[in-house]
C-alpha atoms as a PDB file:
ATOM      1  CA  MET A   1     -12.362  13.222  -6.856  1.00  0.00           C
ATOM      2  CA  LYS A   2     -11.698  16.678  -5.785  1.00  0.00           C
ATOM      3  CA  LEU A   3     -13.525  19.405  -7.979  1.00  0.00           C
ATOM      4  CA  GLU A   4     -11.283  22.117  -6.244  1.00  0.00           C
ATOM      5  CA  ILE A   5      -7.840  23.686  -6.053  1.00  0.00           C
ATOM      6  CA  PHE A   6      -5.903  22.302  -2.955  1.00  0.00           C
ATOM      7  CA  ASP A   7      -2.510  22.610  -1.329  1.00  0.00           C
ATOM      8  CA  TYR A   8       0.153  20.340  -0.120  1.00  0.00           C
ATOM      9  CA  SER A   9      -1.603  19.559   2.982  1.00  0.00           C
ATOM     10  CA  ASN A  10      -4.469  17.949   1.262  1.00  0.00           C
ATOM     11  CA  LEU A  11      -2.546  15.495  -0.843  1.00  0.00           C
ATOM     12  CA  ASN A  12      -3.442  12.058   0.132  1.00  0.00           C
ATOM     13  CA  PHE A  13      -1.350   9.470  -1.727  1.00  0.00           C
ATOM     14  CA  VAL A  14       1.597   7.177  -1.309  1.00  0.00           C
ATOM     15  CA  GLU A  15       4.361   7.012  -4.080  1.00  0.00           C
ATOM     16  CA  LEU A  16       6.298   3.732  -4.495  1.00  0.00           C
ATOM     17  CA  ASN A  17       9.449   4.797  -6.204  1.00  0.00           C
ATOM     18  CA  ILE A  18      12.285   2.585  -7.660  1.00  0.00           C
ATOM     19  CA  ALA A  19      13.973   5.355  -9.558  1.00  0.00           C
ATOM     20  CA  GLY A  20      16.458   6.403  -6.771  1.00  0.00           C
ATOM     21  CA  ASN A  21      19.388   4.891  -4.990  1.00  0.00           C
ATOM     22  CA  ASN A  22      20.740   4.746  -1.497  1.00  0.00           C
ATOM     23  CA  GLU A  23      21.127   8.438  -1.152  1.00  0.00           C
ATOM     24  CA  THR A  24      18.268  10.047  -3.192  1.00  0.00           C
ATOM     25  CA  TYR A  25      15.234   9.494  -5.196  1.00  0.00           C
ATOM     26  CA  VAL A  26      13.550  11.419  -7.963  1.00  0.00           C
ATOM     27  CA  LYS A  27      10.048  12.699  -6.733  1.00  0.00           C
ATOM     28  CA  CYS A  28       7.207  11.573  -8.633  1.00  0.00           C
ATOM     29  CA  HIS A  29       9.285   9.953 -11.223  1.00  0.00           C
ATOM     30  CA  HIS A  30       7.537   8.604 -14.319  1.00  0.00           C
ATOM     31  CA  ALA A  31       8.305   4.989 -13.216  1.00  0.00           C
ATOM     32  CA  SER A  32       6.734   5.441  -9.994  1.00  0.00           C
ATOM     33  CA  LYS A  33       3.603   3.680  -8.919  1.00  0.00           C
ATOM     34  CA  TYR A  34       0.728   5.477  -6.616  1.00  0.00           C
ATOM     35  CA  LEU A  35      -1.843   4.330  -4.169  1.00  0.00           C
ATOM     36  CA  SER A  36      -4.487   6.212  -2.385  1.00  0.00           C
ATOM     37  CA  SER A  37      -3.620   6.323   1.474  1.00  0.00           C
ATOM     38  CA  GLU A  38      -6.683   4.684   2.390  1.00  0.00           C
ATOM     39  CA  VAL A  39      -5.725   1.707   0.405  1.00  0.00           C
ATOM     40  CA  PHE A  40      -2.085   1.989   1.284  1.00  0.00           C
ATOM     41  CA  ASN A  41      -2.961   1.870   5.192  1.00  0.00           C
ATOM     42  CA  LEU A  42      -3.873  -1.734   4.633  1.00  0.00           C
ATOM     43  CA  PHE A  43      -0.405  -2.608   3.826  1.00  0.00           C
ATOM     44  CA  THR A  44       1.547  -0.225   6.111  1.00  0.00           C
ATOM     45  CA  LYS A  45       2.077  -3.024   8.715  1.00  0.00           C
ATOM     46  CA  CYS A  46       4.093  -4.779   6.083  1.00  0.00           C
ATOM     47  CA  PHE A  47       6.343  -1.811   5.708  1.00  0.00           C
ATOM     48  CA  GLU A  48       6.663  -0.957   9.230  1.00  0.00           C
ATOM     49  CA  SER A  49       7.691  -4.538  10.223  1.00  0.00           C
ATOM     50  CA  SER A  50      10.122  -4.643   7.624  1.00  0.00           C
ATOM     51  CA  ASN A  51      12.062  -1.286   8.343  1.00  0.00           C
ATOM     52  CA  THR A  52      12.029   0.254  11.787  1.00  0.00           C
ATOM     53  CA  MET A  53      12.912   3.440  10.103  1.00  0.00           C
ATOM     54  CA  TYR A  54       9.617   3.529   8.098  1.00  0.00           C
ATOM     55  CA  GLU A  55       7.959   6.945   8.397  1.00  0.00           C
ATOM     56  CA  TYR A  56       4.739   7.852   6.514  1.00  0.00           C
ATOM     57  CA  TYR A  57       5.151  11.416   5.883  1.00  0.00           C
ATOM     58  CA  GLY A  58       8.758  11.402   4.913  1.00  0.00           C
ATOM     59  CA  PRO A  59      10.479   9.141   2.466  1.00  0.00           C
ATOM     60  CA  THR A  60      11.684   5.701   3.665  1.00  0.00           C
ATOM     61  CA  LYS A  61      14.234   3.596   1.943  1.00  0.00           C
ATOM     62  CA  PHE A  62      14.011   0.080   1.465  1.00  0.00           C
ATOM     63  CA  ASN A  63      17.351  -1.611   0.247  1.00  0.00           C
ATOM     64  CA  ALA A  64      18.529  -5.059   0.036  1.00  0.00           C
ATOM     65  CA  ARG A  65      18.636  -5.421   3.809  1.00  0.00           C
ATOM     66  CA  GLN A  66      14.797  -4.471   4.196  1.00  0.00           C
ATOM     67  CA  ILE A  67      13.515  -5.711   0.927  1.00  0.00           C
ATOM     68  CA  VAL A  68      13.639  -9.328   1.580  1.00  0.00           C
ATOM     69  CA  PRO A  69      11.704  -8.995   4.936  1.00  0.00           C
ATOM     70  CA  LEU A  70       9.203  -6.517   2.999  1.00  0.00           C
ATOM     71  CA  LYS A  71       8.557  -9.465   0.402  1.00  0.00           C
ATOM     72  CA  ASN A  72       7.970 -11.825   3.124  1.00  0.00           C
ATOM     73  CA  ASN A  73       5.550  -9.631   4.988  1.00  0.00           C
ATOM     74  CA  LEU A  74       3.716  -8.965   1.811  1.00  0.00           C
ATOM     75  CA  GLN A  75       3.446 -12.780   1.051  1.00  0.00           C
ATOM     76  CA  GLU A  76       1.870 -13.406   4.538  1.00  0.00           C
ATOM     77  CA  ASN A  77      -0.683 -10.537   3.947  1.00  0.00           C
ATOM     78  CA  LEU A  78      -1.475 -11.942   0.602  1.00  0.00           C
ATOM     79  CA  GLU A  79      -1.949 -15.374   2.248  1.00  0.00           C
ATOM     80  CA  ARG A  80      -4.303 -13.653   4.948  1.00  0.00           C
ATOM     81  CA  LEU A  81      -6.286 -12.033   2.233  1.00  0.00           C
ATOM     82  CA  GLN A  82      -6.694 -15.410   0.330  1.00  0.00           C
ATOM     83  CA  LYS A  83      -8.260 -17.047   3.169  1.00  0.00           C
ATOM     84  CA  LEU A  84     -11.008 -14.605   3.705  1.00  0.00           C
ATOM     85  CA  ASN A  85     -14.171 -16.222   2.294  1.00  0.00           C
ATOM     86  CA  ASN A  86     -17.020 -14.248   3.503  1.00  0.00           C
ATOM     87  CA  LYS A  87     -18.134 -10.515   4.139  1.00  0.00           C
ATOM     88  CA  ASP A  88     -17.772 -10.852   7.852  1.00  0.00           C
ATOM     89  CA  SER A  89     -13.940 -12.097   7.551  1.00  0.00           C
ATOM     90  CA  PHE A  90     -13.460  -9.456   5.156  1.00  0.00           C
ATOM     91  CA  ILE A  91     -14.864  -6.400   7.473  1.00  0.00           C
ATOM     92  CA  GLU A  92     -13.096  -8.100  10.476  1.00  0.00           C
ATOM     93  CA  PHE A  93      -9.766  -8.223   8.555  1.00  0.00           C
ATOM     94  CA  VAL A  94      -9.902  -4.921   7.275  1.00  0.00           C
ATOM     95  CA  GLY A  95     -11.387  -3.521  10.541  1.00  0.00           C
ATOM     96  CA  SER A  96      -8.476  -4.763  12.635  1.00  0.00           C
ATOM     97  CA  ILE A  97      -5.979  -3.075  10.576  1.00  0.00           C
ATOM     98  CA  PHE A  98      -4.957   0.570  11.931  1.00  0.00           C
ATOM     99  CA  LEU A  99      -7.230   2.922   9.867  1.00  0.00           C
ATOM    100  CA  GLY A 100      -8.976  -0.006   8.175  1.00  0.00           C
ATOM    101  CA  LYS A 101     -12.242   1.384   9.077  1.00  0.00           C
ATOM    102  CA  VAL A 102     -11.200   4.591   7.089  1.00  0.00           C
ATOM    103  CA  PHE A 103     -11.120   2.310   4.217  1.00  0.00           C
ATOM    104  CA  ILE A 104     -14.531   0.983   4.590  1.00  0.00           C
ATOM    105  CA  LEU A 105     -15.993   4.501   5.072  1.00  0.00           C
ATOM    106  CA  GLU A 106     -14.379   5.476   1.662  1.00  0.00           C
ATOM    107  CA  LEU A 107     -15.760   2.225   0.080  1.00  0.00           C
ATOM    108  CA  GLN A 108     -19.367   3.401   1.302  1.00  0.00           C
ATOM    109  CA  LYS A 109     -18.926   6.650  -0.186  1.00  0.00           C
ATOM    110  CA  ILE A 110     -18.119   5.345  -3.707  1.00  0.00           C
ATOM    111  CA  ASP A 111     -20.124   2.314  -3.502  1.00  0.00           C
ATOM    112  CA  LYS A 112     -23.422   2.313  -1.337  1.00  0.00           C
ATOM    113  CA  THR A 113     -23.772  -1.532  -1.943  1.00  0.00           C
ATOM    114  CA  TRP A 114     -20.120  -2.205  -1.463  1.00  0.00           C
ATOM    115  CA  ASP A 115     -21.098  -4.858   1.304  1.00  0.00           C
ATOM    116  CA  LEU A 116     -22.898  -6.892  -1.598  1.00  0.00           C
ATOM    117  CA  ASN A 117     -19.712  -6.383  -3.945  1.00  0.00           C
ATOM    118  CA  TRP A 118     -17.201  -7.162  -1.127  1.00  0.00           C
ATOM    119  CA  GLU A 119     -15.618  -9.918  -3.106  1.00  0.00           C
ATOM    120  CA  GLN A 120     -14.709  -7.481  -5.937  1.00  0.00           C
ATOM    121  CA  TYR A 121     -12.915  -5.355  -3.470  1.00  0.00           C
ATOM    122  CA  LEU A 122     -11.206  -8.310  -1.938  1.00  0.00           C
ATOM    123  CA  THR A 123     -10.107  -9.219  -5.379  1.00  0.00           C
ATOM    124  CA  LYS A 124      -8.756  -6.078  -6.074  1.00  0.00           C
ATOM    125  CA  LEU A 125      -6.920  -5.702  -2.636  1.00  0.00           C
ATOM    126  CA  LYS A 126      -5.250  -9.192  -3.573  1.00  0.00           C
ATOM    127  CA  GLY A 127      -4.123  -7.650  -7.021  1.00  0.00           C
ATOM    128  CA  ILE A 128      -2.688  -4.706  -5.349  1.00  0.00           C
ATOM    129  CA  ASN A 129      -0.965  -6.787  -2.811  1.00  0.00           C
ATOM    130  CA  LYS A 130       0.551  -8.875  -5.974  1.00  0.00           C
ATOM    131  CA  GLN A 131       1.731  -5.675  -7.729  1.00  0.00           C
ATOM    132  CA  ILE A 132       3.254  -4.288  -4.688  1.00  0.00           C
ATOM    133  CA  ILE A 133       5.199  -7.634  -4.539  1.00  0.00           C
ATOM    134  CA  ASP A 134       6.126  -7.467  -8.193  1.00  0.00           C
ATOM    135  CA  ILE A 135       7.505  -4.142  -7.438  1.00  0.00           C
ATOM    136  CA  VAL A 136       9.708  -5.744  -4.614  1.00  0.00           C
ATOM    137  CA  ASP A 137      10.572  -8.424  -7.040  1.00  0.00           C
ATOM    138  CA  GLU A 138      11.892  -6.117  -9.536  1.00  0.00           C
ATOM    139  CA  CYS A 139      13.835  -4.140  -6.862  1.00  0.00           C
ATOM    140  CA  MET A 140      15.405  -7.483  -5.786  1.00  0.00           C
ATOM    141  CA  ASP A 141      16.203  -8.649  -9.693  1.00  0.00           C
ATOM    142  CA  LYS A 142      17.682  -5.333 -10.380  1.00  0.00           C
ATOM    143  CA  GLY A 143      19.416  -4.224  -7.069  1.00  0.00           C
ATOM    144  CA  ASN A 144      17.098  -1.185  -6.917  1.00  0.00           C
ATOM    145  CA  VAL A 145      16.286   0.621  -3.969  1.00  0.00           C
ATOM    146  CA  LEU A 146      12.250   1.013  -3.075  1.00  0.00           C
ATOM    147  CA  TRP A 147      11.430   4.502  -1.651  1.00  0.00           C
ATOM    148  CA  ILE A 148       7.906   4.873  -0.026  1.00  0.00           C
ATOM    149  CA  ILE A 149       6.773   8.431   0.046  1.00  0.00           C
ATOM    150  CA  GLY A 150       3.411   9.560   1.751  1.00  0.00           C
ATOM    151  CA  TYR A 151       2.022  12.745   0.586  1.00  0.00           C
END
């Protein structure tokens, strides 16, 4: 939490937006979901691998052509998360991801004993992974476009 007035350059979240079409999206739509950048970074590779046009600081469209590969990448990521069975494997997995160490640093800020509670954080990451898959499934079922916008 920031107890201050801040400007656009200090925003640090990612919007998952299904309220648009192939041409445009409605920024910060009420149906959008949001993740802090530190958490989203752990899933970025899934998005990059699914769409060569992925750009963190600009809106990236995932249409019917990219949405199935995205789901497959997210499923593979979830399978990797489900195989983690101890603190060392959790740290190694997160640390191997670009900016994954930033996630660990943020955990240390909010929970000094995070390493004793690592299983809770792993469970939360698996839940987030599943929720992103649910969003992708909704796009597939309804023919929606998924826009990813970093702020």
